[in-house]
Amino acid sequence: MALFDGDLKRLQAEAVAAGTAIRNDRVAAEKAGQPKLYCSPAAKASLGQNDFLNGLQAIPAAERSRISLKQAMLQILQKKYPCPR
């Protein structure tokens, strides 16, 4: 099924909002002295379209259906930018 322009714009807006929320959560956690959520080399993590789509496909369908876009994006970022243990 093809995405219509309205669907694509809505999805893009949702992805941008999720990314902003994740970035804000990361900054808040660091300020509170909590562990980092992900460890990108730059202050702003880079997640291209292919990284995002491949990351979504790597999440099992059953899990994908239960989690939010924000949770999925955070999992993708954590896999792409793991923090040293």
Protein backbone atom coordinates (compact mmCIF):
# COMPACT_ATOMS: atom_id res chain seq x y z
CA MET A 1 0.00 0.00 0.00
CA ALA A 2 1.44 3.33 -1.03
CA LEU A 3 1.61 6.19 1.42
CA PHE A 4 -0.27 9.30 0.45
CA ASP A 5 1.40 12.68 0.86
CA GLY A 6 -0.71 13.42 3.95
CA ASP A 7 0.27 10.11 5.53
CA LEU A 8 3.94 10.70 4.81
CA LYS A 9 3.87 14.22 6.25
CA ARG A 10 2.08 12.97 9.37
CA LEU A 11 4.62 10.17 9.81
CA GLN A 12 7.53 12.58 9.30
CA ALA A 13 6.07 14.98 11.87
CA GLU A 14 5.61 12.12 14.35
CA ALA A 15 9.20 10.97 13.80
CA VAL A 16 10.55 14.50 14.32
CA ALA A 17 8.49 14.84 17.53
CA ALA A 18 9.76 11.46 18.78
CA GLY A 19 13.36 12.44 18.02
CA THR A 20 12.96 15.74 19.85
CA ALA A 21 11.43 13.99 22.87
CA ILE A 22 14.25 11.44 22.96
CA ARG A 23 16.87 14.19 22.74
CA ASN A 24 15.15 16.09 25.58
CA ASP A 25 15.00 12.89 27.68
CA ARG A 26 18.70 12.29 27.07
CA VAL A 27 19.66 15.83 28.14
CA ALA A 28 17.44 15.60 31.24
CA ALA A 29 18.94 12.21 32.22
CA GLU A 30 22.48 13.54 31.84
CA LYS A 31 21.69 16.66 33.90
CA ALA A 32 20.20 14.44 36.62
CA GLY A 33 23.33 12.27 36.66
CA GLN A 34 21.48 9.27 35.25
CA PRO A 35 22.98 6.91 32.67
CA LYS A 36 22.96 8.09 29.07
CA LEU A 37 20.16 6.70 26.93
CA TYR A 38 22.51 6.29 23.94
CA CYS A 39 26.06 7.44 23.22
CA SER A 40 26.26 9.23 19.89
CA PRO A 41 29.59 10.95 19.19
CA ALA A 42 27.84 14.25 18.45
CA ALA A 43 25.37 16.12 20.63
CA LYS A 44 22.68 15.46 18.03
CA ALA A 45 22.43 11.83 16.91
CA SER A 46 22.15 11.14 13.21
CA LEU A 47 19.54 8.65 12.08
CA GLY A 48 19.03 8.46 8.34
CA GLN A 49 15.96 7.11 6.60
CA ASN A 50 17.62 3.76 5.83
CA ASP A 51 18.94 3.41 9.41
CA PHE A 52 15.45 4.14 10.71
CA LEU A 53 13.60 1.77 8.37
CA ASN A 54 16.16 -1.04 8.80
CA GLY A 55 16.04 -0.53 12.56
CA LEU A 56 12.24 -0.78 12.57
CA GLN A 57 12.39 -3.99 10.55
CA ALA A 58 14.87 -5.46 13.05
CA ILE A 59 12.32 -5.08 15.85
CA PRO A 60 10.08 -8.17 15.92
CA ALA A 61 6.58 -7.45 14.57
CA ALA A 62 4.91 -8.50 17.83
CA GLU A 63 7.04 -6.04 19.78
CA ARG A 64 6.63 -3.28 17.16
CA SER A 65 2.87 -3.48 17.52
CA ARG A 66 3.12 -2.86 21.29
CA ILE A 67 5.59 0.02 21.41
CA SER A 68 5.41 3.66 20.44
CA LEU A 69 7.41 5.24 17.66
CA LYS A 70 9.48 6.99 20.34
CA GLN A 71 10.32 3.67 22.02
CA ALA A 72 11.21 2.11 18.67
CA MET A 73 13.41 5.05 17.73
CA LEU A 74 15.18 4.89 21.10
CA GLN A 75 15.90 1.18 20.57
CA ILE A 76 17.33 1.96 17.13
CA LEU A 77 19.54 4.73 18.55
CA GLN A 78 20.72 2.48 21.38
CA LYS A 79 21.69 -0.19 18.88
CA LYS A 80 23.44 2.30 16.57
CA TYR A 81 25.13 4.24 19.41
CA PRO A 82 25.65 1.78 22.29
CA CYS A 83 27.16 3.12 25.50
CA PRO A 84 30.27 1.39 26.83
CA ARG A 85 29.61 -0.71 29.89
